[in-house]
Every structure is written in C-alpha cells, then in structure tokens.
PDB file of N, CA and C in Angstrom:
ATOM      1  N   UNK A   1     -11.557  11.734  15.281  1.00  0.00           N
ATOM      2  CA  UNK A   1     -12.329  12.144  14.598  1.00  0.00           C
ATOM      3  C   UNK A   1     -12.132  13.730  14.550  1.00  0.00           C
ATOM      4  N   UNK A   2     -12.414  13.760  16.119  1.00  0.00           N
ATOM      5  CA  UNK A   2     -12.721  15.035  16.635  1.00  0.00           C
ATOM      6  C   UNK A   2     -11.800  15.707  17.170  1.00  0.00           C
ATOM      7  N   UNK A   3     -10.488  15.255  16.853  1.00  0.00           N
ATOM      8  CA  UNK A   3      -9.022  15.688  16.741  1.00  0.00           C
ATOM      9  C   UNK A   3      -8.756  16.287  15.586  1.00  0.00           C
ATOM     10  N   UNK A   4      -9.097  15.529  14.945  1.00  0.00           N
ATOM     11  CA  UNK A   4      -8.954  16.218  13.114  1.00  0.00           C
ATOM     12  C   UNK A   4      -9.559  17.841  12.760  1.00  0.00           C
ATOM     13  N   UNK A   5     -10.744  17.806  13.477  1.00  0.00           N
ATOM     14  CA  UNK A   5     -11.934  18.347  13.122  1.00  0.00           C
ATOM     15  C   UNK A   5     -11.182  19.809  14.168  1.00  0.00           C
ATOM     16  N   UNK A   6     -10.453  19.419  14.935  1.00  0.00           N
ATOM     17  CA  UNK A   6     -10.041  20.544  16.084  1.00  0.00           C
ATOM     18  C   UNK A   6      -9.082  21.429  15.322  1.00  0.00           C
ATOM     19  N   UNK A   7      -8.093  20.177  14.839  1.00  0.00           N
ATOM     20  CA  UNK A   7      -6.782  20.365  14.076  1.00  0.00           C
ATOM     21  C   UNK A   7      -7.012  21.462  13.001  1.00  0.00           C
ATOM     22  N   UNK A   8      -8.111  20.698  11.877  1.00  0.00           N
ATOM     23  CA  UNK A   8      -8.625  21.751  11.004  1.00  0.00           C
ATOM     24  C   UNK A   8      -8.941  22.927  11.213  1.00  0.00           C
ATOM     25  N   UNK A   9      -9.976  23.178  12.411  1.00  0.00           N
ATOM     26  CA  UNK A   9     -10.445  24.302  12.904  1.00  0.00           C
ATOM     27  C   UNK A   9      -9.097  25.419  12.840  1.00  0.00           C
ATOM     28  N   UNK A  10      -8.197  24.755  13.931  1.00  0.00           N
ATOM     29  CA  UNK A  10      -7.187  25.794  14.264  1.00  0.00           C
ATOM     30  C   UNK A  10      -6.352  26.174  13.234  1.00  0.00           C
ATOM     31  N   UNK A  11      -5.673  25.196  12.032  1.00  0.00           N
ATOM     32  CA  UNK A  11      -5.338  25.909  10.994  1.00  0.00           C
ATOM     33  C   UNK A  11      -6.026  26.857  10.342  1.00  0.00           C
ATOM     34  N   UNK A  12      -7.398  26.765   9.943  1.00  0.00           N
ATOM     35  CA  UNK A  12      -8.129  28.019   9.189  1.00  0.00           C
ATOM     36  C   UNK A  12      -8.388  28.949   9.968  1.00  0.00           C
ATOM     37  N   UNK A  13      -8.256  28.865  11.284  1.00  0.00           N
ATOM     38  CA  UNK A  13      -8.211  30.485  12.256  1.00  0.00           C
ATOM     39  C   UNK A  13      -6.958  30.844  12.156  1.00  0.00           C
ATOM     40  N   UNK A  14      -5.654  29.901  11.939  1.00  0.00           N
ATOM     41  CA  UNK A  14      -4.299  30.299  12.135  1.00  0.00           C
ATOM     42  C   UNK A  14      -4.228  31.255  10.585  1.00  0.00           C
ATOM     43  N   UNK A  15      -4.999  30.577   9.475  1.00  0.00           N
ATOM     44  CA  UNK A  15      -4.832  31.352   8.194  1.00  0.00           C
ATOM     45  C   UNK A  15      -5.664  32.504   8.126  1.00  0.00           C
ATOM     46  N   UNK A  16      -6.800  32.810   8.690  1.00  0.00           N
ATOM     47  CA  UNK A  16      -7.325  33.572   8.862  1.00  0.00           C
ATOM     48  C   UNK A  16      -6.897  34.481   9.373  1.00  0.00           C
ATOM     49  N   UNK A  17      -6.064  34.428  10.527  1.00  0.00           N
ATOM     50  CA  UNK A  17      -5.323  35.538  11.415  1.00  0.00           C
ATOM     51  C   UNK A  17      -4.085  36.146  10.468  1.00  0.00           C
ATOM     52  N   UNK A  18      -3.525  35.125   9.888  1.00  0.00           N
ATOM     53  CA  UNK A  18      -2.496  35.554   9.034  1.00  0.00           C
ATOM     54  C   UNK A  18      -3.106  36.646   7.670  1.00  0.00           C
ATOM     55  N   UNK A  19      -3.913  36.191   7.140  1.00  0.00           N
ATOM     56  CA  UNK A  19      -4.283  36.846   6.405  1.00  0.00           C
ATOM     57  C   UNK A  19      -5.112  37.867   6.136  1.00  0.00           C
ATOM     58  N   UNK A  20      -5.593  38.498   7.583  1.00  0.00           N
ATOM     59  CA  UNK A  20      -6.347  39.487   8.508  1.00  0.00           C
ATOM     60  C   UNK A  20      -4.875  40.358   8.709  1.00  0.00           C
ATOM     61  N   UNK A  21      -4.008  39.862   8.924  1.00  0.00           N
ATOM     62  CA  UNK A  21      -2.472  40.956   9.521  1.00  0.00           C
ATOM     63  C   UNK A  21      -1.772  41.217   7.986  1.00  0.00           C
ATOM     64  N   UNK A  22      -2.127  40.721   7.117  1.00  0.00           N
ATOM     65  CA  UNK A  22      -0.832  40.599   6.131  1.00  0.00           C
ATOM     66  C   UNK A  22      -2.035  41.682   4.775  1.00  0.00           C
ATOM     67  N   UNK A  23      -2.817  41.686   5.548  1.00  0.00           N
ATOM     68  CA  UNK A  23      -3.703  42.624   4.230  1.00  0.00           C
ATOM     69  C   UNK A  23      -2.849  43.628   3.755  1.00  0.00           C
ATOM     70  N   UNK A  24      -2.432  44.573   4.275  1.00  0.00           N
ATOM     71  CA  UNK A  24      -1.735  45.730   4.143  1.00  0.00           C
ATOM     72  C   UNK A  24      -0.674  45.665   3.038  1.00  0.00           C
ATOM     73  N   UNK A  25      -0.090  43.920   4.034  1.00  0.00           N
ATOM     74  CA  UNK A  25       1.326  44.110   3.023  1.00  0.00           C
ATOM     75  C   UNK A  25       1.415  43.626   1.560  1.00  0.00           C
ATOM     76  N   UNK A  26       1.924  44.263   0.277  1.00  0.00           N
ATOM     77  CA  UNK A  26       1.738  44.180  -0.881  1.00  0.00           C
ATOM     78  C   UNK A  26       3.210  43.256  -1.415  1.00  0.00           C
ATOM     79  N   UNK A  27       3.509  42.985  -2.820  1.00  0.00           N
ATOM     80  CA  UNK A  27       4.476  42.796  -3.071  1.00  0.00           C
ATOM     81  C   UNK A  27       4.455  42.792  -4.218  1.00  0.00           C
ATOM     82  N   UNK A  28       5.840  42.876  -5.422  1.00  0.00           N
ATOM     83  CA  UNK A  28       5.286  42.751  -6.512  1.00  0.00           C
ATOM     84  C   UNK A  28       5.564  41.114  -6.972  1.00  0.00           C
ATOM     85  N   UNK A  29       4.951  40.725  -7.570  1.00  0.00           N
ATOM     86  CA  UNK A  29       5.483  39.352  -8.588  1.00  0.00           C
ATOM     87  C   UNK A  29       5.596  38.996  -9.633  1.00  0.00           C
ATOM     88  N   UNK A  30       6.261  38.469 -10.386  1.00  0.00           N
ATOM     89  CA  UNK A  30       6.448  38.546 -12.003  1.00  0.00           C
ATOM     90  C   UNK A  30       6.364  36.890 -12.192  1.00  0.00           C
ATOM     91  N   UNK A  31       5.309  36.429 -13.368  1.00  0.00           N
ATOM     92  CA  UNK A  31       5.229  35.396 -13.767  1.00  0.00           C
ATOM     93  C   UNK A  31       4.979  35.614 -15.072  1.00  0.00           C
ATOM     94  N   UNK A  32       5.750  35.366 -15.982  1.00  0.00           N
ATOM     95  CA  UNK A  32       5.680  35.966 -17.514  1.00  0.00           C
ATOM     96  C   UNK A  32       4.910  37.166 -17.488  1.00  0.00           C
ATOM     97  N   UNK A  33       4.715  38.305 -16.477  1.00  0.00           N
ATOM     98  CA  UNK A  33       3.687  39.057 -16.435  1.00  0.00           C
ATOM     99  C   UNK A  33       4.202  39.761 -15.206  1.00  0.00           C
ATOM    100  N   UNK A  34       4.192  41.335 -14.801  1.00  0.00           N
ATOM    101  CA  UNK A  34       4.264  41.738 -13.414  1.00  0.00           C
ATOM    102  C   UNK A  34       2.771  42.295 -12.686  1.00  0.00           C
ATOM    103  N   UNK A  35       2.986  41.434 -12.040  1.00  0.00           N
ATOM    104  CA  UNK A  35       1.548  41.746 -11.069  1.00  0.00           C
ATOM    105  C   UNK A  35       2.061  42.798  -9.607  1.00  0.00           C
ATOM    106  N   UNK A  36       1.575  44.090  -9.875  1.00  0.00           N
ATOM    107  CA  UNK A  36       1.679  44.839  -8.734  1.00  0.00           C
ATOM    108  C   UNK A  36       1.393  45.076  -7.504  1.00  0.00           C
ATOM    109  N   UNK A  37       1.114  45.563  -6.304  1.00  0.00           N
ATOM    110  CA  UNK A  37       0.323  45.558  -5.204  1.00  0.00           C
ATOM    111  C   UNK A  37      -0.372  44.086  -4.933  1.00  0.00           C
ATOM    112  N   UNK A  38       0.323  43.265  -4.811  1.00  0.00           N
ATOM    113  CA  UNK A  38      -0.422  41.626  -4.610  1.00  0.00           C
ATOM    114  C   UNK A  38      -0.006  41.772  -3.562  1.00  0.00           C
ATOM    115  N   UNK A  39      -1.358  40.856  -2.604  1.00  0.00           N
ATOM    116  CA  UNK A  39      -0.967  41.085  -1.536  1.00  0.00           C
ATOM    117  C   UNK A  39      -0.202  40.088  -1.044  1.00  0.00           C
ATOM    118  N   UNK A  40       0.293  39.805  -0.075  1.00  0.00           N
ATOM    119  CA  UNK A  40       1.230  38.788   0.539  1.00  0.00           C
ATOM    120  C   UNK A  40       0.583  37.509   0.946  1.00  0.00           C
ATOM    121  N   UNK A  41      -0.592  37.539   1.185  1.00  0.00           N
ATOM    122  CA  UNK A  41      -1.452  36.202   1.473  1.00  0.00           C
ATOM    123  C   UNK A  41      -1.828  35.788   0.800  1.00  0.00           C
ATOM    124  N   UNK A  42      -1.962  36.222  -0.649  1.00  0.00           N
ATOM    125  CA  UNK A  42      -2.273  36.128  -1.825  1.00  0.00           C
ATOM    126  C   UNK A  42      -1.640  35.073  -2.194  1.00  0.00           C
ATOM    127  N   UNK A  43      -0.273  35.569  -2.614  1.00  0.00           N
ATOM    128  CA  UNK A  43       0.726  34.989  -3.159  1.00  0.00           C
ATOM    129  C   UNK A  43       1.477  33.915  -2.284  1.00  0.00           C
ATOM    130  N   UNK A  44       1.383  33.728  -0.842  1.00  0.00           N
ATOM    131  CA  UNK A  44       1.480  32.886  -0.431  1.00  0.00           C
ATOM    132  C   UNK A  44       0.030  31.344  -0.314  1.00  0.00           C
ATOM    133  N   UNK A  45      -0.715  31.905  -0.676  1.00  0.00           N
ATOM    134  CA  UNK A  45      -2.137  30.872  -0.935  1.00  0.00           C
ATOM    135  C   UNK A  45      -1.752  30.054  -2.436  1.00  0.00           C
ATOM    136  N   UNK A  46      -0.979  31.114  -3.765  1.00  0.00           N
ATOM    137  CA  UNK A  46      -0.459  30.523  -4.885  1.00  0.00           C
ATOM    138  C   UNK A  46       0.361  29.586  -4.994  1.00  0.00           C
ATOM    139  N   UNK A  47       1.587  30.245  -4.253  1.00  0.00           N
ATOM    140  CA  UNK A  47       2.595  29.096  -3.789  1.00  0.00           C
ATOM    141  C   UNK A  47       2.178  27.859  -3.438  1.00  0.00           C
ATOM    142  N   UNK A  48       1.319  27.880  -2.140  1.00  0.00           N
ATOM    143  CA  UNK A  48       0.625  26.445  -1.358  1.00  0.00           C
ATOM    144  C   UNK A  48       0.261  25.839  -2.650  1.00  0.00           C
ATOM    145  N   UNK A  49      -0.604  26.449  -3.536  1.00  0.00           N
ATOM    146  CA  UNK A  49      -1.717  25.557  -4.700  1.00  0.00           C
ATOM    147  C   UNK A  49      -0.646  24.830  -5.307  1.00  0.00           C
ATOM    148  N   UNK A  50       0.503  25.988  -5.827  1.00  0.00           N
ATOM    149  CA  UNK A  50       1.578  25.214  -6.621  1.00  0.00           C
ATOM    150  C   UNK A  50       2.211  24.166  -6.562  1.00  0.00           C
ATOM    151  N   UNK A  51       2.489  24.151  -4.944  1.00  0.00           N
ATOM    152  CA  UNK A  51       2.868  23.136  -4.311  1.00  0.00           C
ATOM    153  C   UNK A  51       2.418  22.069  -4.017  1.00  0.00           C
ATOM    154  N   UNK A  52       0.929  21.905  -3.840  1.00  0.00           N
ATOM    155  CA  UNK A  52       0.347  20.613  -4.303  1.00  0.00           C
ATOM    156  C   UNK A  52       0.467  20.179  -5.271  1.00  0.00           C
ATOM    157  N   UNK A  53       0.064  21.040  -6.533  1.00  0.00           N
ATOM    158  CA  UNK A  53       0.248  20.687  -7.979  1.00  0.00           C
ATOM    159  C   UNK A  53       0.957  19.950  -8.301  1.00  0.00           C
ATOM    160  N   UNK A  54       2.268  20.267  -7.850  1.00  0.00           N
ATOM    161  CA  UNK A  54       3.079  19.752  -8.300  1.00  0.00           C
ATOM    162  C   UNK A  54       3.674  18.640  -7.266  1.00  0.00           C
ATOM    163  N   UNK A  55       3.156  18.190  -6.374  1.00  0.00           N
ATOM    164  CA  UNK A  55       3.556  17.009  -5.416  1.00  0.00           C
ATOM    165  C   UNK A  55       2.803  15.772  -6.173  1.00  0.00           C
ATOM    166  N   UNK A  56       1.540  16.613  -6.363  1.00  0.00           N
ATOM    167  CA  UNK A  56       0.428  15.638  -6.935  1.00  0.00           C
ATOM    168  C   UNK A  56       1.219  14.846  -8.263  1.00  0.00           C
ATOM    169  N   UNK A  57       1.597  16.174  -9.235  1.00  0.00           N
ATOM    170  CA  UNK A  57       2.117  15.222 -10.518  1.00  0.00           C
ATOM    171  C   UNK A  57       3.429  14.585 -10.602  1.00  0.00           C
ATOM    172  N   UNK A  58       4.084  14.435  -9.353  1.00  0.00           N
ATOM    173  CA  UNK A  58       5.280  13.872  -9.110  1.00  0.00           C
ATOM    174  C   UNK A  58       4.868  12.402  -8.452  1.00  0.00           C
ATOM    175  N   UNK A  59       3.620  12.682  -7.733  1.00  0.00           N
ATOM    176  CA  UNK A  59       3.204  10.927  -7.265  1.00  0.00           C
ATOM    177  C   UNK A  59       2.398   9.955  -8.146  1.00  0.00           C
ATOM    178  N   UNK A  60       1.825  11.028  -9.145  1.00  0.00           N
ATOM    179  CA  UNK A  60       0.963  10.201 -10.563  1.00  0.00           C
ATOM    180  C   UNK A  60       2.381   9.782 -10.996  1.00  0.00           C
ATOM    181  N   UNK A  61       3.261  10.438 -11.989  1.00  0.00           N
ATOM    182  CA  UNK A  61       4.331   9.788 -12.594  1.00  0.00           C
ATOM    183  C   UNK A  61       5.425   8.476 -11.765  1.00  0.00           C
ATOM    184  N   UNK A  62       5.345   8.920 -10.794  1.00  0.00           N
ATOM    185  CA  UNK A  62       6.050   7.831  -9.939  1.00  0.00           C
ATOM    186  C   UNK A  62       4.827   6.451  -9.725  1.00  0.00           C
ATOM    187  N   UNK A  63       3.544   7.005  -9.778  1.00  0.00           N
ATOM    188  CA  UNK A  63       2.964   5.437  -9.751  1.00  0.00           C
ATOM    189  C   UNK A  63       2.653   5.164 -11.025  1.00  0.00           C
ATOM    190  N   UNK A  64       2.765   5.362 -12.151  1.00  0.00           N
ATOM    191  CA  UNK A  64       2.606   5.370 -13.646  1.00  0.00           C
ATOM    192  C   UNK A  64       4.021   4.613 -13.657  1.00  0.00           C
ATOM    193  N   UNK A  65       5.143   4.692 -13.343  1.00  0.00           N
ATOM    194  CA  UNK A  65       6.092   4.108 -13.580  1.00  0.00           C
ATOM    195  C   UNK A  65       6.200   2.622 -12.772  1.00  0.00           C
ATOM    196  N   UNK A  66       5.622   2.837 -11.820  1.00  0.00           N
ATOM    197  CA  UNK A  66       6.221   1.704 -10.958  1.00  0.00           C
ATOM    198  C   UNK A  66       5.189   0.151 -11.002  1.00  0.00           C
ATOM    199  N   UNK A  67       4.023   0.436 -11.315  1.00  0.00           N
ATOM    200  CA  UNK A  67       3.066  -0.905 -11.617  1.00  0.00           C
ATOM    201  C   UNK A  67       4.033  -1.953 -12.037  1.00  0.00           C
ATOM    202  N   UNK A  68       4.653  -1.807 -13.293  1.00  0.00           N
ATOM    203  CA  UNK A  68       5.245  -3.100 -13.687  1.00  0.00           C
ATOM    204  C   UNK A  68       5.765  -3.842 -13.280  1.00  0.00           C
ATOM    205  N   UNK A  69       6.739  -3.002 -11.917  1.00  0.00           N
ATOM    206  CA  UNK A  69       7.586  -3.649 -10.906  1.00  0.00           C
ATOM    207  C   UNK A  69       6.449  -4.325  -9.993  1.00  0.00           C
ATOM    208  N   UNK A  70       5.878  -3.651  -9.611  1.00  0.00           N
ATOM    209  CA  UNK A  70       4.575  -4.151  -8.933  1.00  0.00           C
ATOM    210  C   UNK A  70       3.520  -5.369  -9.171  1.00  0.00           C
ATOM    211  N   UNK A  71       3.699  -5.098 -10.411  1.00  0.00           N
ATOM    212  CA  UNK A  71       2.691  -6.242 -10.974  1.00  0.00           C
ATOM    213  C   UNK A  71       3.609  -7.727 -10.869  1.00  0.00           C
ATOM    214  N   UNK A  72       4.917  -7.683 -11.141  1.00  0.00           N
ATOM    215  CA  UNK A  72       5.600  -8.738 -11.459  1.00  0.00           C
ATOM    216  C   UNK A  72       5.760  -9.254  -9.954  1.00  0.00           C
ATOM    217  N   UNK A  73       5.828  -8.699  -8.908  1.00  0.00           N
ATOM    218  CA  UNK A  73       5.875  -8.885  -7.342  1.00  0.00           C
ATOM    219  C   UNK A  73       4.496  -9.690  -7.181  1.00  0.00           C
ATOM    220  N   UNK A  74       3.642  -9.012  -7.488  1.00  0.00           N
ATOM    221  CA  UNK A  74       2.204  -9.374  -7.396  1.00  0.00           C
ATOM    222  C   UNK A  74       2.162 -10.964  -7.675  1.00  0.00           C
ATOM    223  N   UNK A  75       2.890 -10.891  -9.038  1.00  0.00           N
ATOM    224  CA  UNK A  75       2.529 -12.205  -9.567  1.00  0.00           C
ATOM    225  C   UNK A  75       3.435 -13.274  -9.551  1.00  0.00           C
ATOM    226  N   UNK A  76       4.398 -12.698  -8.707  1.00  0.00           N
ATOM    227  CA  UNK A  76       5.509 -13.549  -7.965  1.00  0.00           C
ATOM    228  C   UNK A  76       5.314 -14.020  -7.293  1.00  0.00           C
ATOM    229  N   UNK A  77       4.481 -13.258  -6.060  1.00  0.00           N
ATOM    230  CA  UNK A  77       3.981 -13.539  -4.690  1.00  0.00           C
ATOM    231  C   UNK A  77       2.498 -14.931  -5.175  1.00  0.00           C
ATOM    232  N   UNK A  78       1.892 -14.740  -6.315  1.00  0.00           N
ATOM    233  CA  UNK A  78       0.580 -15.315  -6.881  1.00  0.00           C
ATOM    234  C   UNK A  78       1.113 -16.822  -6.884  1.00  0.00           C
ATOM    235  N   UNK A  79       1.944 -16.982  -7.561  1.00  0.00           N
ATOM    236  CA  UNK A  79       2.878 -18.076  -8.227  1.00  0.00           C
ATOM    237  C   UNK A  79       3.140 -18.753  -6.944  1.00  0.00           C
ATOM    238  N   UNK A  80       4.235 -18.089  -5.992  1.00  0.00           N
ATOM    239  CA  UNK A  80       4.326 -18.723  -4.871  1.00  0.00           C
ATOM    240  C   UNK A  80       3.300 -18.914  -3.923  1.00  0.00           C
ATOM    241  N   UNK A  81       2.291 -18.513  -3.582  1.00  0.00           N
ATOM    242  CA  UNK A  81       1.111 -18.668  -2.713  1.00  0.00           C
ATOM    243  C   UNK A  81       0.514 -20.187  -3.555  1.00  0.00           C
ATOM    244  N   UNK A  82       0.570 -20.018  -4.972  1.00  0.00           N
ATOM    245  CA  UNK A  82       0.079 -21.534  -5.398  1.00  0.00           C
ATOM    246  C   UNK A  82       0.645 -22.790  -5.598  1.00  0.00           C
ATOM    247  N   UNK A  83       1.775 -22.163  -5.713  1.00  0.00           N
ATOM    248  CA  UNK A  83       2.788 -23.573  -5.126  1.00  0.00           C
ATOM    249  C   UNK A  83       2.881 -23.928  -3.916  1.00  0.00           C
ATOM    250  N   UNK A  84       2.706 -23.022  -3.330  1.00  0.00           N
ATOM    251  CA  UNK A  84       2.527 -23.517  -1.448  1.00  0.00           C
ATOM    252  C   UNK A  84       1.295 -24.351  -1.056  1.00  0.00           C
ATOM    253  N   UNK A  85       0.330 -23.935  -1.857  1.00  0.00           N
ATOM    254  CA  UNK A  85      -1.224 -24.557  -1.840  1.00  0.00           C
ATOM    255  C   UNK A  85      -0.878 -25.937  -2.160  1.00  0.00           C
ATOM    256  N   UNK A  86      -0.746 -26.287  -3.537  1.00  0.00           N
ATOM    257  CA  UNK A  86      -0.260 -27.190  -4.197  1.00  0.00           C
ATOM    258  C   UNK A  86       0.481 -28.258  -3.584  1.00  0.00           C
ATOM    259  N   UNK A  87       1.825 -27.752  -2.820  1.00  0.00           N
ATOM    260  CA  UNK A  87       2.375 -28.514  -1.913  1.00  0.00           C
ATOM    261  C   UNK A  87       1.116 -29.242  -0.530  1.00  0.00           C
ATOM    262  N   UNK A  88       0.929 -28.201  -0.323  1.00  0.00           N
ATOM    263  CA  UNK A  88      -0.172 -28.498   0.958  1.00  0.00           C
ATOM    264  C   UNK A  88      -1.027 -30.051   0.766  1.00  0.00           C
ATOM    265  N   UNK A  89      -1.957 -29.367  -0.616  1.00  0.00           N
ATOM    266  CA  UNK A  89      -2.674 -30.592  -0.935  1.00  0.00           C
ATOM    267  C   UNK A  89      -1.982 -31.971  -1.433  1.00  0.00           C
ATOM    268  N   UNK A  90      -0.954 -31.800  -1.895  1.00  0.00           N
ATOM    269  CA  UNK A  90       0.066 -33.236  -2.382  1.00  0.00           C
ATOM    270  C   UNK A  90       0.128 -33.821  -0.963  1.00  0.00           C
ATOM    271  N   UNK A  91       0.530 -32.852   0.251  1.00  0.00           N
ATOM    272  CA  UNK A  91       1.167 -34.021   1.238  1.00  0.00           C
ATOM    273  C   UNK A  91      -0.530 -33.938   1.787  1.00  0.00           C
ATOM    274  N   UNK A  92      -1.349 -33.732   2.118  1.00  0.00           N
ATOM    275  CA  UNK A  92      -2.373 -33.846   2.350  1.00  0.00           C
ATOM    276  C   UNK A  92      -3.101 -35.438   2.154  1.00  0.00           C
ATOM    277  N   UNK A  93      -2.558 -35.318   0.523  1.00  0.00           N
ATOM    278  CA  UNK A  93      -2.998 -36.671  -0.898  1.00  0.00           C
ATOM    279  C   UNK A  93      -2.155 -37.577  -0.092  1.00  0.00           C
ATOM    280  N   UNK A  94      -0.783 -37.835   0.242  1.00  0.00           N
ATOM    281  CA  UNK A  94       0.417 -38.369   0.551  1.00  0.00           C
ATOM    282  C   UNK A  94      -0.305 -39.235   1.956  1.00  0.00           C
ATOM    283  N   UNK A  95      -0.744 -37.864   3.020  1.00  0.00           N
ATOM    284  CA  UNK A  95      -0.885 -38.416   4.321  1.00  0.00           C
ATOM    285  C   UNK A  95      -2.381 -39.725   4.544  1.00  0.00           C
ATOM    286  N   UNK A  96      -3.195 -39.081   3.577  1.00  0.00           N
ATOM    287  CA  UNK A  96      -4.167 -39.639   3.237  1.00  0.00           C
ATOM    288  C   UNK A  96      -4.227 -41.536   2.423  1.00  0.00           C
ATOM    289  N   UNK A  97      -3.310 -41.402   1.540  1.00  0.00           N
ATOM    290  CA  UNK A  97      -2.718 -42.522   0.934  1.00  0.00           C
ATOM    291  C   UNK A  97      -2.397 -43.572   2.123  1.00  0.00           C
ATOM    292  N   UNK A  98      -1.365 -42.812   3.227  1.00  0.00           N
ATOM    293  CA  UNK A  98      -0.335 -43.593   3.882  1.00  0.00           C
ATOM    294  C   UNK A  98      -1.830 -43.998   4.928  1.00  0.00           C
ATOM    295  N   UNK A  99      -2.794 -43.189   4.958  1.00  0.00           N
ATOM    296  CA  UNK A  99      -3.827 -43.816   6.061  1.00  0.00           C
ATOM    297  C   UNK A  99      -4.640 -44.927   5.788  1.00  0.00           C
ATOM    298  N   UNK A 100      -4.905 -45.067   4.150  1.00  0.00           N
ATOM    299  CA  UNK A 100      -5.483 -46.236   3.758  1.00  0.00           C
ATOM    300  C   UNK A 100      -4.510 -47.254   3.632  1.00  0.00           C
ATOM    301  N   UNK A 101      -3.593 -46.878   2.943  1.00  0.00           N
ATOM    302  CA  UNK A 101      -2.446 -47.845   3.509  1.00  0.00           C
ATOM    303  C   UNK A 101      -2.540 -48.915   4.576  1.00  0.00           C
ATOM    304  N   UNK A 102      -2.595 -48.199   5.694  1.00  0.00           N
ATOM    305  CA  UNK A 102      -2.411 -48.572   6.957  1.00  0.00           C
ATOM    306  C   UNK A 102      -3.705 -49.409   7.070  1.00  0.00           C
ATOM    307  N   UNK A 103      -4.760 -48.789   6.712  1.00  0.00           N
ATOM    308  CA  UNK A 103      -6.363 -49.403   7.357  1.00  0.00           C
ATOM    309  C   UNK A 103      -6.379 -50.900   6.510  1.00  0.00           C
ATOM    310  N   UNK A 104      -5.409 -50.616   5.252  1.00  0.00           N
ATOM    311  CA  UNK A 104      -5.676 -51.974   4.367  1.00  0.00           C
ATOM    312  C   UNK A 104      -5.243 -52.956   5.064  1.00  0.00           C
ATOM    313  N   UNK A 105      -3.469 -52.412   5.466  1.00  0.00           N
ATOM    314  CA  UNK A 105      -2.633 -53.629   5.961  1.00  0.00           C
ATOM    315  C   UNK A 105      -3.420 -54.109   7.162  1.00  0.00           C
ATOM    316  N   UNK A 106      -3.715 -53.279   7.944  1.00  0.00           N
ATOM    317  CA  UNK A 106      -4.004 -53.804   9.267  1.00  0.00           C
ATOM    318  C   UNK A 106      -5.953 -54.659   8.955  1.00  0.00           C
ATOM    319  N   UNK A 107      -6.348 -54.674   7.722  1.00  0.00           N
ATOM    320  CA  UNK A 107      -7.580 -55.292   7.800  1.00  0.00           C
ATOM    321  C   UNK A 107      -7.050 -56.687   7.074  1.00  0.00           C
ATOM    322  N   UNK A 108      -5.945 -56.776   6.356  1.00  0.00           N
ATOM    323  CA  UNK A 108      -5.584 -58.429   5.937  1.00  0.00           C
ATOM    324  C   UNK A 108      -4.807 -59.274   6.581  1.00  0.00           C
ATOM    325  N   UNK A 109      -4.436 -58.306   7.948  1.00  0.00           N
ATOM    326  CA  UNK A 109      -3.660 -58.909   9.112  1.00  0.00           C
ATOM    327  C   UNK A 109      -2.315 -58.690   9.157  1.00  0.00           C
ATOM    328  N   UNK A 110      -1.748 -58.303   7.825  1.00  0.00           N
ATOM    329  CA  UNK A 110      -0.487 -57.907   8.221  1.00  0.00           C
ATOM    330  C   UNK A 110       0.313 -56.900   8.374  1.00  0.00           C
ATOM    331  N   UNK A 111       1.246 -56.919   9.540  1.00  0.00           N
ATOM    332  CA  UNK A 111       1.248 -55.629  10.430  1.00  0.00           C
ATOM    333  C   UNK A 111       2.682 -54.783   9.414  1.00  0.00           C
ATOM    334  N   UNK A 112       3.072 -55.336   8.329  1.00  0.00           N
ATOM    335  CA  UNK A 112       3.916 -54.489   7.214  1.00  0.00           C
ATOM    336  C   UNK A 112       5.038 -55.315   7.105  1.00  0.00           C
ATOM    337  N   UNK A 113       5.943 -55.130   6.307  1.00  0.00           N
ATOM    338  CA  UNK A 113       7.261 -56.184   5.649  1.00  0.00           C
ATOM    339  C   UNK A 113       8.326 -55.884   6.612  1.00  0.00           C
ATOM    340  N   UNK A 114       8.371 -54.894   7.924  1.00  0.00           N
ATOM    341  CA  UNK A 114       9.359 -55.511   9.019  1.00  0.00           C
ATOM    342  C   UNK A 114       9.154 -56.537   9.514  1.00  0.00           C
ATOM    343  N   UNK A 115       7.702 -56.292  10.193  1.00  0.00           N
ATOM    344  CA  UNK A 115       7.297 -57.359  11.017  1.00  0.00           C
ATOM    345  C   UNK A 115       7.439 -59.180  10.525  1.00  0.00           C
ATOM    346  N   UNK A 116       7.143 -59.239   8.852  1.00  0.00           N
ATOM    347  CA  UNK A 116       6.788 -60.422   8.115  1.00  0.00           C
ATOM    348  C   UNK A 116       8.811 -60.620   8.126  1.00  0.00           C
ATOM    349  N   UNK A 117       9.360 -59.748   8.235  1.00  0.00           N
ATOM    350  CA  UNK A 117      10.868 -60.236   8.351  1.00  0.00           C
ATOM    351  C   UNK A 117      11.452 -60.701   9.370  1.00  0.00           C
ATOM    352  N   UNK A 118      10.980 -60.178  10.446  1.00  0.00           N
ATOM    353  CA  UNK A 118      11.256 -60.847  11.585  1.00  0.00           C
ATOM    354  C   UNK A 118      11.649 -61.875  12.106  1.00  0.00           C
ATOM    355  N   UNK A 119      10.003 -62.605  11.384  1.00  0.00           N
ATOM    356  CA  UNK A 119       9.829 -64.005  11.822  1.00  0.00           C
ATOM    357  C   UNK A 119      10.258 -64.938  11.333  1.00  0.00           C
TER     358      UNK A 119
END
C-alpha cells in the first residue's frame, strides 16, 4: 500500500516536471479544426485520455461478446459438479447398504454365501 502511494507520488511529480518544462513548447493540432499554439503537455494528456477511452471501449466490447461462452462453461462445470456430488452420494448409499447387509448377515448367523458353499 505504501509502495503504491510512493509510486503514484513519483508519477505525479514526474508529470508536473514534464508539464512545467514543456509549457513553452507549443504545436498545431488538427482534429476537424486546427488548434494553434496548443501546449505539448496538454496534447499529451489529451492523447493519454483518448487512449484510456479506447482501451475501455475495447474491453467492454470484448466482455459483452464473451459471456455467452463463459456462461456455457460455467453451466458445464455446474453440471459436472452436480454429477460428482450425485456419484458421491450414490457410493455413500451403496456403502451404507453394504454395511447394513453385513450387520444383518452377522445377526442371522450366516457368514455369507461363500462360507455356506464351502461346508
């Protein structure tokens, strides 16, 4: 957290130094209209802002297209998880039934079919 704060402060100091040193530098910029005597620092900030806007635009467009496939993947994972849970439950029930059968066989005095056939 402290490192981030220091980094932001260094960036702000660098930007202030850059703008201060380039206030005398001016240029002409055309964007459907000619802007004369525009400071280079202002033009740099405008270009930076335009870059952020276009980057966010592309990110939002990509996220709007992606959810269909992401939703399918999430649905498939959910079905797979449900199938695993059902399989686990089935195995637990089979194990419980086997234990119950073994207890009943032990109570009735039979040690199972294999021991009966060996007599």
